[in-house]
Amino acid sequence: MNVISVCKFINKEIKKQYKDQVEYSKNIKVSKQAFNKWINGILSKNTGANYSTIEKHLNNLGYELTIKKKDPTEK
């Protein structure tokens, strides 16, 4: 899974678990503008993201980020 796919997943989970991004942003004590700048930068401009930031958002949504070695037969 690449960074864009993870951010799309985060967006989808926010819509499922919260009314909107404003409610999510209040819950994590970040301004909506800061969160939108972060996620839209990744989704539209393909900018990079820190592992810790992605992990923090996934943890807030009840998920855990793990890294495992790919099976050599997978591409």
N, C-alpha and C. Protein backbone atom coordinates (compact mmCIF):
# COMPACT_ATOMS: atom_id res chain seq x y z
N MET A 1 0.85 -1.17 0.00
CA MET A 1 0.00 0.00 0.00
C MET A 1 0.90 1.24 0.00
N ASN A 2 0.60 2.20 -0.84
CA ASN A 2 1.41 3.41 -0.87
C ASN A 2 0.78 4.50 0.00
N VAL A 3 1.46 5.63 0.12
CA VAL A 3 1.01 6.71 1.01
C VAL A 3 -0.35 7.25 0.59
N ILE A 4 -0.58 7.38 -0.71
CA ILE A 4 -1.86 7.91 -1.18
C ILE A 4 -2.99 6.96 -0.81
N SER A 5 -2.78 5.67 -0.96
CA SER A 5 -3.81 4.69 -0.58
C SER A 5 -4.10 4.74 0.92
N VAL A 6 -3.07 4.91 1.72
CA VAL A 6 -3.27 4.99 3.16
C VAL A 6 -4.08 6.24 3.51
N CYS A 7 -3.78 7.37 2.87
CA CYS A 7 -4.52 8.61 3.15
C CYS A 7 -5.97 8.51 2.68
N LYS A 8 -6.21 7.84 1.57
CA LYS A 8 -7.59 7.62 1.13
C LYS A 8 -8.33 6.76 2.16
N PHE A 9 -7.63 5.76 2.70
CA PHE A 9 -8.22 4.91 3.74
C PHE A 9 -8.53 5.74 4.99
N ILE A 10 -7.61 6.60 5.39
CA ILE A 10 -7.82 7.47 6.55
C ILE A 10 -9.05 8.35 6.32
N ASN A 11 -9.16 8.95 5.15
CA ASN A 11 -10.32 9.79 4.83
C ASN A 11 -11.62 9.00 4.92
N LYS A 12 -11.62 7.79 4.38
CA LYS A 12 -12.81 6.95 4.40
C LYS A 12 -13.21 6.59 5.82
N GLU A 13 -12.23 6.28 6.66
CA GLU A 13 -12.51 5.93 8.05
C GLU A 13 -13.02 7.12 8.85
N ILE A 14 -12.51 8.31 8.54
CA ILE A 14 -13.01 9.51 9.21
C ILE A 14 -14.48 9.70 8.89
N LYS A 15 -14.86 9.48 7.64
CA LYS A 15 -16.27 9.62 7.25
C LYS A 15 -17.14 8.57 7.94
N LYS A 16 -16.61 7.37 8.18
CA LYS A 16 -17.36 6.32 8.85
C LYS A 16 -17.52 6.59 10.34
N GLN A 17 -16.43 7.02 10.98
CA GLN A 17 -16.40 7.11 12.44
C GLN A 17 -16.81 8.47 13.00
N TYR A 18 -16.66 9.51 12.18
CA TYR A 18 -16.97 10.86 12.63
C TYR A 18 -17.94 11.50 11.65
N LYS A 19 -18.60 12.56 12.10
CA LYS A 19 -19.53 13.27 11.22
C LYS A 19 -18.79 13.88 10.04
N ASP A 20 -17.64 14.49 10.31
CA ASP A 20 -16.84 15.12 9.26
C ASP A 20 -15.42 15.35 9.77
N GLN A 21 -14.59 15.97 8.93
CA GLN A 21 -13.21 16.22 9.30
C GLN A 21 -13.09 17.22 10.44
N VAL A 22 -14.06 18.12 10.57
CA VAL A 22 -14.04 19.09 11.65
C VAL A 22 -14.12 18.37 13.00
N GLU A 23 -15.05 17.43 13.11
CA GLU A 23 -15.21 16.67 14.35
C GLU A 23 -13.95 15.87 14.66
N TYR A 24 -13.38 15.23 13.63
CA TYR A 24 -12.14 14.47 13.82
C TYR A 24 -11.01 15.38 14.27
N SER A 25 -10.88 16.53 13.62
CA SER A 25 -9.81 17.46 13.96
C SER A 25 -9.94 17.95 15.40
N LYS A 26 -11.16 18.22 15.85
CA LYS A 26 -11.37 18.64 17.24
C LYS A 26 -10.98 17.53 18.19
N ASN A 27 -11.29 16.30 17.83
CA ASN A 27 -10.99 15.15 18.68
C ASN A 27 -9.48 14.98 18.86
N ILE A 28 -8.70 15.22 17.82
CA ILE A 28 -7.25 15.05 17.93
C ILE A 28 -6.53 16.35 18.27
N LYS A 29 -7.31 17.43 18.49
CA LYS A 29 -6.78 18.73 18.88
C LYS A 29 -5.82 19.32 17.85
N VAL A 30 -6.25 19.25 16.58
CA VAL A 30 -5.53 19.86 15.46
C VAL A 30 -6.55 20.68 14.70
N SER A 31 -6.13 21.82 14.16
CA SER A 31 -7.08 22.63 13.40
C SER A 31 -7.47 21.90 12.12
N LYS A 32 -8.69 22.15 11.68
CA LYS A 32 -9.16 21.53 10.44
C LYS A 32 -8.27 21.95 9.27
N GLN A 33 -7.82 23.20 9.28
CA GLN A 33 -6.97 23.70 8.21
C GLN A 33 -5.65 22.94 8.16
N ALA A 34 -5.06 22.67 9.32
CA ALA A 34 -3.79 21.94 9.36
C ALA A 34 -3.98 20.51 8.86
N PHE A 35 -5.07 19.87 9.29
CA PHE A 35 -5.32 18.50 8.83
C PHE A 35 -5.57 18.48 7.33
N ASN A 36 -6.41 19.41 6.83
CA ASN A 36 -6.69 19.47 5.40
C ASN A 36 -5.43 19.74 4.59
N LYS A 37 -4.58 20.62 5.07
CA LYS A 37 -3.34 20.91 4.36
C LYS A 37 -2.48 19.65 4.25
N TRP A 38 -2.43 18.89 5.34
CA TRP A 38 -1.63 17.67 5.35
C TRP A 38 -2.19 16.64 4.38
N ILE A 39 -3.48 16.32 4.51
CA ILE A 39 -4.05 15.23 3.70
C ILE A 39 -4.21 15.63 2.24
N ASN A 40 -4.62 16.86 1.98
CA ASN A 40 -4.77 17.30 0.59
C ASN A 40 -3.43 17.43 -0.11
N GLY A 41 -2.39 17.79 0.63
CA GLY A 41 -1.06 17.83 0.05
C GLY A 41 -0.61 16.47 -0.44
N ILE A 42 -0.95 15.46 0.31
CA ILE A 42 -0.58 14.10 -0.09
C ILE A 42 -1.45 13.62 -1.25
N LEU A 43 -2.76 13.84 -1.15
CA LEU A 43 -3.68 13.32 -2.16
C LEU A 43 -3.57 14.05 -3.49
N SER A 44 -3.38 15.35 -3.48
CA SER A 44 -3.39 16.09 -4.74
C SER A 44 -2.00 16.38 -5.29
N LYS A 45 -1.03 16.59 -4.41
CA LYS A 45 0.31 16.97 -4.88
C LYS A 45 1.32 15.85 -4.72
N ASN A 46 0.89 14.76 -4.14
CA ASN A 46 1.75 13.60 -3.93
C ASN A 46 3.00 13.97 -3.12
N THR A 47 2.82 14.81 -2.10
CA THR A 47 3.93 15.13 -1.22
C THR A 47 4.14 13.98 -0.25
N GLY A 48 5.27 13.95 0.37
CA GLY A 48 5.58 12.88 1.30
C GLY A 48 4.88 13.04 2.64
N ALA A 49 4.97 12.02 3.44
CA ALA A 49 4.37 12.05 4.77
C ALA A 49 5.29 11.32 5.73
N ASN A 50 5.33 11.78 6.95
CA ASN A 50 6.12 11.11 7.98
C ASN A 50 5.41 9.85 8.44
N TYR A 51 6.20 8.85 8.71
CA TYR A 51 5.66 7.60 9.25
C TYR A 51 4.90 7.87 10.54
N SER A 52 5.46 8.71 11.39
CA SER A 52 4.85 8.96 12.69
C SER A 52 3.49 9.66 12.56
N THR A 53 3.35 10.55 11.59
CA THR A 53 2.08 11.25 11.38
C THR A 53 1.00 10.29 10.90
N ILE A 54 1.35 9.46 9.94
CA ILE A 54 0.39 8.46 9.44
C ILE A 54 0.00 7.50 10.56
N GLU A 55 1.00 7.06 11.32
CA GLU A 55 0.73 6.14 12.42
C GLU A 55 -0.19 6.79 13.47
N LYS A 56 0.03 8.07 13.76
CA LYS A 56 -0.79 8.78 14.74
C LYS A 56 -2.25 8.81 14.28
N HIS A 57 -2.49 9.13 13.00
CA HIS A 57 -3.86 9.18 12.50
C HIS A 57 -4.50 7.80 12.49
N LEU A 58 -3.77 6.79 12.10
CA LEU A 58 -4.32 5.43 12.12
C LEU A 58 -4.64 4.98 13.55
N ASN A 59 -3.77 5.30 14.49
CA ASN A 59 -4.02 4.96 15.90
C ASN A 59 -5.26 5.67 16.41
N ASN A 60 -5.44 6.93 16.05
CA ASN A 60 -6.62 7.68 16.47
C ASN A 60 -7.91 7.07 15.93
N LEU A 61 -7.81 6.40 14.80
CA LEU A 61 -8.98 5.78 14.18
C LEU A 61 -9.14 4.31 14.60
N GLY A 62 -8.25 3.84 15.47
CA GLY A 62 -8.36 2.48 15.99
C GLY A 62 -7.62 1.44 15.18
N TYR A 63 -6.64 1.85 14.40
CA TYR A 63 -5.87 0.92 13.58
C TYR A 63 -4.41 0.93 14.02
N GLU A 64 -3.71 -0.10 13.64
CA GLU A 64 -2.30 -0.24 13.95
C GLU A 64 -1.53 -0.38 12.64
N LEU A 65 -0.44 0.33 12.52
CA LEU A 65 0.39 0.26 11.32
C LEU A 65 1.50 -0.74 11.56
N THR A 66 1.59 -1.74 10.71
CA THR A 66 2.65 -2.73 10.82
C THR A 66 3.37 -2.83 9.48
N ILE A 67 4.62 -3.21 9.57
CA ILE A 67 5.43 -3.39 8.36
C ILE A 67 5.88 -4.83 8.34
N LYS A 68 5.68 -5.48 7.21
CA LYS A 68 6.14 -6.86 7.09
C LYS A 68 6.77 -7.06 5.72
N LYS A 69 7.65 -8.01 5.65
CA LYS A 69 8.35 -8.31 4.41
C LYS A 69 7.37 -8.92 3.42
N LYS A 70 7.47 -8.46 2.17
CA LYS A 70 6.61 -8.98 1.13
C LYS A 70 7.00 -10.40 0.76
N ASP A 71 6.01 -11.16 0.36
CA ASP A 71 6.24 -12.49 -0.16
C ASP A 71 6.95 -12.30 -1.51
N PRO A 72 8.04 -13.01 -1.78
CA PRO A 72 8.79 -12.81 -3.03
C PRO A 72 7.95 -13.03 -4.29
N THR A 73 6.84 -13.75 -4.18
CA THR A 73 6.01 -14.00 -5.35
C THR A 73 5.07 -12.82 -5.63
N GLU A 74 4.87 -11.92 -4.64
CA GLU A 74 3.99 -10.77 -4.83
C GLU A 74 4.73 -9.65 -5.55
N LYS A 75 4.01 -8.90 -6.34
CA LYS A 75 4.61 -7.74 -7.01
C LYS A 75 3.78 -6.53 -6.74
